[in-house]
Amino acid sequence: MDIQSQPSLIARIRSHAPNMTRALEKVAAFVLVDPQTVIYKSITELADEAESSEASVIRFCRELGYQGFQNFKLALAHELATFQQPATNAPGDMVQELVETARMALEETERLLDRDVIERVSALLLAARRIEIFGVAASAITAQYLEYKLARLGIQAHIPRDSHLATMASATASPDDLYILVSSSGSTIDTLRVAESAHARGANVVAITNRTKSPLAAICDFKLLASSPETPLTGGAFPSKISQLLIVDTLANTITKLDPARLETIKETAESVSDRNI
């Protein structure tokens, strides 16, 4: 791509980089080498891979006129999407591409999942005095699905209606409680506040996330990693969601392995709503 046709943000980074401090210049160099990968990274991942710091990433974004890393990523993702040409315009390819990306996401999630962590979290779900599940926006879909699967097993969990209620609930957390926090990015402020509060009070805190390095992953006691990280323009994307739902189903199935009596509970809960079908 020549200078005339360069996207404005990329051009601005190139022009600013020589005048940046050494720490910020490292971030700029990393972004310029492969901007496509940057839109999939958390701030922690970018800082580590650019051999810089999270504070330097924030300063880099602000020097370019953005309030923070997420605003910068959104602008970068929009620019790349605008200037990229689709791989194919052939009719009918869209469904095939979605199926293929979903298959890859499921296979990658299967490789990422630590079976020992799955068993330990499942045991905590069986033993917890109180279970709180929280996710914002598209992550709330996964949270609701987990609540549903647990209800089928006779395990009652609670999803706060909003972030204020979630934070207030975490203020009374105890070591007998379990908090499961869903965040694809691992950087959602509301979710982080709940995690920090619950963790400070000794509760077991679990993350279902697509980021192995993120502020949420650093706080939580257990991480359940899903594949297919999202960009700012693809929040709630199908591959990311289906990989999180695989984690939920794996937890539910592991619970029945640890406590086979739950299979009878599934039958009972199913029968309780059987008259809702024609």
Protein backbone atom coordinates (compact mmCIF):
# COMPACT_ATOMS: atom_id res chain seq x y z
CA MET A 1 0.00 0.00 0.00
CA ASP A 2 1.54 3.37 -1.01
CA ILE A 3 1.51 6.52 1.10
CA GLN A 4 -1.33 8.03 -0.91
CA SER A 5 -3.70 5.18 -0.13
CA GLN A 6 -2.63 4.47 3.45
CA PRO A 7 -5.43 4.46 6.02
CA SER A 8 -5.23 7.65 8.04
CA LEU A 9 -4.65 5.96 11.42
CA ILE A 10 -1.76 3.85 10.13
CA ALA A 11 -0.27 6.93 8.52
CA ARG A 12 -0.60 8.88 11.77
CA ILE A 13 1.16 6.12 13.72
CA ARG A 14 4.01 6.17 11.21
CA SER A 15 4.37 9.91 11.46
CA HIS A 16 4.17 9.99 15.27
CA ALA A 17 6.46 7.03 15.99
CA PRO A 18 9.84 8.76 15.44
CA ASN A 19 8.93 11.43 18.01
CA MET A 20 7.62 9.03 20.66
CA THR A 21 9.48 7.87 23.74
CA ARG A 22 11.27 4.53 23.47
CA ALA A 23 8.50 2.70 25.34
CA LEU A 24 5.76 4.14 23.12
CA GLU A 25 7.83 3.59 19.99
CA LYS A 26 7.95 -0.13 20.80
CA VAL A 27 4.15 -0.21 20.87
CA ALA A 28 3.95 1.73 17.61
CA ALA A 29 6.42 -0.63 15.91
CA PHE A 30 4.43 -3.67 16.99
CA VAL A 31 1.16 -2.18 15.71
CA LEU A 32 2.71 -1.22 12.36
CA VAL A 33 4.20 -4.67 11.76
CA ASP A 34 0.87 -6.50 12.14
CA PRO A 35 -2.11 -4.25 12.89
CA GLN A 36 -4.53 -7.10 12.14
CA THR A 37 -3.40 -9.08 15.17
CA VAL A 38 -3.59 -6.05 17.48
CA ILE A 39 -7.38 -5.81 17.23
CA TYR A 40 -7.60 -9.31 18.75
CA LYS A 41 -5.32 -8.59 21.70
CA SER A 42 -5.99 -7.45 25.24
CA ILE A 43 -3.98 -4.55 26.60
CA THR A 44 -1.94 -7.00 28.68
CA GLU A 45 -1.11 -9.15 25.65
CA LEU A 46 -0.06 -6.15 23.58
CA ALA A 47 2.11 -4.77 26.38
CA ASP A 48 3.85 -8.13 26.87
CA GLU A 49 4.44 -8.80 23.19
CA ALA A 50 5.64 -5.26 22.48
CA GLU A 51 8.00 -5.55 25.48
CA SER A 52 6.41 -2.49 26.98
CA SER A 53 3.84 -1.84 29.74
CA GLU A 54 0.10 -1.36 29.99
CA ALA A 55 0.68 2.26 31.02
CA SER A 56 2.75 2.80 27.86
CA VAL A 57 -0.01 1.33 25.71
CA ILE A 58 -2.49 3.76 27.26
CA ARG A 59 -0.11 6.69 26.68
CA PHE A 60 0.42 5.55 23.09
CA CYS A 61 -3.34 5.56 22.48
CA ARG A 62 -3.79 8.98 24.09
CA GLU A 63 -0.94 10.46 22.07
CA LEU A 64 -2.93 9.48 18.97
CA GLY A 65 -6.03 11.16 20.36
CA TYR A 66 -7.88 8.17 21.84
CA GLN A 67 -9.17 7.98 25.39
CA GLY A 68 -8.01 4.41 25.88
CA PHE A 69 -7.01 1.13 24.29
CA GLN A 70 -10.54 0.02 23.44
CA ASN A 71 -11.23 3.29 21.57
CA PHE A 72 -7.99 2.86 19.66
CA LYS A 73 -8.80 -0.76 18.78
CA LEU A 74 -12.26 0.20 17.58
CA ALA A 75 -10.79 2.83 15.25
CA LEU A 76 -8.13 0.43 14.00
CA ALA A 77 -10.64 -2.38 13.43
CA HIS A 78 -12.95 -0.04 11.53
CA GLU A 79 -10.09 1.17 9.37
CA LEU A 80 -8.86 -2.33 8.55
CA ALA A 81 -12.38 -3.49 7.76
CA THR A 82 -12.88 -0.49 5.46
CA PHE A 83 -9.68 -1.01 3.50
CA GLN A 84 -9.66 -4.82 3.37
CA GLN A 85 -11.23 -6.56 0.44
CA PRO A 86 -13.36 -9.65 1.18
CA ALA A 87 -11.69 -12.94 0.36
CA THR A 88 -14.56 -13.99 -1.86
CA ASN A 89 -17.78 -12.59 -3.18
CA ALA A 90 -19.15 -15.93 -4.30
CA PRO A 91 -22.77 -16.45 -3.24
CA GLY A 92 -23.37 -19.03 -0.55
CA ASP A 93 -19.86 -18.83 0.95
CA MET A 94 -21.00 -16.95 4.06
CA VAL A 95 -22.71 -19.94 5.67
CA GLN A 96 -19.77 -22.20 4.86
CA GLU A 97 -17.33 -19.70 6.36
CA LEU A 98 -19.40 -19.43 9.57
CA VAL A 99 -19.55 -23.21 9.92
CA GLU A 100 -15.82 -23.51 9.35
CA THR A 101 -14.91 -20.78 11.84
CA ALA A 102 -17.26 -22.31 14.42
CA ARG A 103 -15.67 -25.73 13.91
CA MET A 104 -12.19 -24.26 14.34
CA ALA A 105 -13.29 -22.36 17.47
CA LEU A 106 -14.69 -25.53 19.05
CA GLU A 107 -11.56 -27.54 18.24
CA GLU A 108 -9.27 -24.82 19.62
CA THR A 109 -11.38 -24.52 22.77
CA GLU A 110 -11.16 -28.28 23.27
CA ARG A 111 -7.36 -27.96 23.22
CA LEU A 112 -7.35 -24.94 25.53
CA LEU A 113 -9.57 -26.41 28.24
CA ASP A 114 -7.74 -27.71 31.29
CA ARG A 115 -9.65 -30.84 32.39
CA ASP A 116 -8.44 -30.48 35.97
CA VAL A 117 -9.78 -26.92 36.17
CA ILE A 118 -13.10 -28.07 34.71
CA GLU A 119 -13.40 -30.72 37.46
CA ARG A 120 -12.42 -28.31 40.22
CA VAL A 121 -14.90 -25.65 39.08
CA SER A 122 -17.63 -28.29 38.73
CA ALA A 123 -16.95 -29.46 42.29
CA LEU A 124 -17.17 -25.85 43.50
CA LEU A 125 -20.54 -25.49 41.75
CA LEU A 126 -21.79 -28.48 43.71
CA ALA A 127 -20.45 -27.21 47.03
CA ALA A 128 -20.95 -23.43 46.91
CA ARG A 129 -23.23 -21.73 49.42
CA ARG A 130 -24.09 -19.07 46.86
CA ILE A 131 -23.41 -18.88 43.12
CA GLU A 132 -23.29 -15.52 41.37
CA ILE A 133 -22.93 -15.31 37.58
CA PHE A 134 -22.30 -12.05 35.78
CA GLY A 135 -21.60 -10.88 32.25
CA VAL A 136 -22.24 -7.68 30.33
CA ALA A 137 -23.91 -7.35 26.90
CA ALA A 138 -23.16 -10.41 24.73
CA SER A 139 -21.41 -12.11 27.65
CA ALA A 140 -24.73 -12.00 29.50
CA ILE A 141 -26.02 -14.56 26.98
CA THR A 142 -23.42 -17.07 28.15
CA ALA A 143 -24.20 -16.21 31.79
CA GLN A 144 -27.91 -16.86 31.23
CA TYR A 145 -27.19 -20.16 29.50
CA LEU A 146 -25.06 -21.26 32.45
CA GLU A 147 -27.84 -20.29 34.86
CA TYR A 148 -30.29 -22.37 32.79
CA LYS A 149 -28.03 -25.44 32.66
CA LEU A 150 -27.47 -25.29 36.42
CA ALA A 151 -31.21 -24.96 37.05
CA ARG A 152 -31.76 -28.15 35.05
CA LEU A 153 -29.34 -29.82 37.47
CA GLY A 154 -31.14 -28.47 40.53
CA ILE A 155 -28.38 -25.95 41.28
CA GLN A 156 -29.67 -22.46 41.91
CA ALA A 157 -27.55 -19.56 40.70
CA HIS A 158 -28.22 -15.85 40.64
CA ILE A 159 -27.62 -13.32 37.85
CA PRO A 160 -27.79 -9.67 38.98
CA ARG A 161 -29.95 -7.46 36.79
CA ASP A 162 -27.29 -4.77 36.40
CA SER A 163 -23.72 -3.91 37.33
CA HIS A 164 -24.67 -2.00 40.50
CA LEU A 165 -26.53 -5.00 41.89
CA ALA A 166 -23.64 -7.26 40.91
CA THR A 167 -21.17 -5.03 42.73
CA MET A 168 -23.38 -4.86 45.83
CA ALA A 169 -23.69 -8.65 45.86
CA SER A 170 -19.91 -9.01 45.68
CA ALA A 171 -19.57 -6.66 48.68
CA THR A 172 -21.09 -9.42 50.84
CA ALA A 173 -19.19 -12.32 49.31
CA SER A 174 -17.69 -15.02 51.53
CA PRO A 175 -15.20 -17.89 51.08
CA ASP A 176 -18.16 -20.27 50.65
CA ASP A 177 -19.40 -18.40 47.58
CA LEU A 178 -18.58 -18.91 43.93
CA TYR A 179 -18.49 -16.12 41.35
CA ILE A 180 -18.42 -16.97 37.65
CA LEU A 181 -17.64 -13.96 35.49
CA VAL A 182 -18.03 -14.02 31.73
CA SER A 183 -16.07 -11.57 29.58
CA SER A 184 -14.71 -12.29 26.12
CA SER A 185 -12.21 -9.43 26.34
CA GLY A 186 -11.43 -9.88 30.02
CA SER A 187 -11.29 -6.11 30.25
CA THR A 188 -14.90 -5.05 30.89
CA ILE A 189 -14.78 -2.55 33.76
CA ASP A 190 -18.06 -3.59 35.40
CA THR A 191 -17.04 -7.25 35.39
CA LEU A 192 -13.58 -6.46 36.72
CA ARG A 193 -15.03 -4.54 39.66
CA VAL A 194 -17.20 -7.49 40.64
CA ALA A 195 -14.23 -9.87 40.33
CA GLU A 196 -11.97 -7.65 42.43
CA SER A 197 -14.59 -7.18 45.15
CA ALA A 198 -15.50 -10.88 45.39
CA HIS A 199 -11.86 -11.97 45.32
CA ALA A 200 -10.94 -9.50 48.07
CA ARG A 201 -13.56 -11.12 50.31
CA GLY A 202 -12.22 -14.62 49.78
CA ALA A 203 -14.82 -15.98 47.35
CA ASN A 204 -13.75 -18.39 44.63
CA VAL A 205 -13.74 -16.45 41.37
CA VAL A 206 -13.88 -18.10 37.94
CA ALA A 207 -13.43 -16.44 34.56
CA ILE A 208 -14.95 -17.67 31.32
CA THR A 209 -12.98 -15.64 28.83
CA ASN A 210 -11.38 -15.63 25.40
CA ARG A 211 -8.22 -13.91 26.65
CA THR A 212 -5.48 -15.86 28.37
CA LYS A 213 -3.79 -12.59 29.39
CA SER A 214 -6.20 -9.94 30.59
CA PRO A 215 -7.03 -8.00 33.77
CA LEU A 216 -9.85 -10.45 34.55
CA ALA A 217 -7.66 -13.51 34.05
CA ALA A 218 -5.10 -12.02 36.42
CA ILE A 219 -7.69 -11.58 39.19
CA CYS A 220 -9.53 -14.89 38.98
CA ASP A 221 -8.62 -18.09 40.79
CA PHE A 222 -9.64 -20.25 37.83
CA LYS A 223 -9.66 -19.54 34.08
CA LEU A 224 -11.77 -21.38 31.53
CA LEU A 225 -10.45 -20.31 28.15
CA ALA A 226 -12.58 -20.17 25.02
CA SER A 227 -11.15 -19.73 21.55
CA SER A 228 -11.84 -17.18 18.83
CA PRO A 229 -11.14 -13.81 20.44
CA GLU A 230 -13.30 -10.94 19.24
CA THR A 231 -12.45 -7.59 17.74
CA PRO A 232 -14.25 -4.39 18.76
CA LEU A 233 -16.42 -4.76 15.64
CA THR A 234 -17.31 -8.42 16.22
CA GLY A 235 -18.47 -8.38 19.84
CA GLY A 236 -20.75 -11.35 20.48
CA ALA A 237 -19.62 -13.07 17.29
CA PHE A 238 -20.91 -16.62 16.73
CA PRO A 239 -17.53 -18.44 16.97
CA SER A 240 -16.73 -16.73 20.27
CA LYS A 241 -20.14 -17.47 21.73
CA ILE A 242 -20.27 -21.11 20.65
CA SER A 243 -16.86 -21.76 22.24
CA GLN A 244 -18.12 -20.29 25.53
CA LEU A 245 -21.27 -22.42 25.33
CA LEU A 246 -19.05 -25.48 24.93
CA ILE A 247 -17.45 -24.61 28.28
CA VAL A 248 -20.89 -24.32 29.91
CA ASP A 249 -22.00 -27.71 28.60
CA THR A 250 -18.71 -29.26 29.67
CA LEU A 251 -19.26 -27.99 33.21
CA ALA A 252 -22.82 -29.35 33.25
CA ASN A 253 -21.73 -32.77 32.02
CA THR A 254 -18.86 -32.91 34.50
CA ILE A 255 -21.28 -32.15 37.35
CA THR A 256 -23.36 -35.20 36.39
CA LYS A 257 -20.17 -37.27 36.39
CA LEU A 258 -19.25 -36.07 39.88
CA ASP A 259 -22.81 -36.43 41.16
CA PRO A 260 -24.76 -38.98 39.05
CA ALA A 261 -27.93 -38.28 41.07
CA ARG A 262 -28.16 -35.04 39.11
CA LEU A 263 -29.29 -37.08 36.09
CA GLU A 264 -32.51 -37.80 37.95
CA THR A 265 -32.80 -34.08 38.73
CA ILE A 266 -32.61 -33.33 35.00
CA LYS A 267 -35.53 -35.68 34.46
CA GLU A 268 -37.53 -34.04 37.25
CA THR A 269 -36.90 -30.50 36.06
CA ALA A 270 -37.78 -31.49 32.50
CA GLU A 271 -41.05 -33.06 33.64
CA SER A 272 -41.93 -29.92 35.61
CA VAL A 273 -42.30 -27.94 32.38
CA SER A 274 -43.44 -30.73 30.07
CA ASP A 275 -47.01 -29.39 29.96
CA ARG A 276 -45.71 -26.23 28.27
CA ASN A 277 -45.33 -28.16 25.02
CA ILE A 278 -48.25 -28.98 22.74
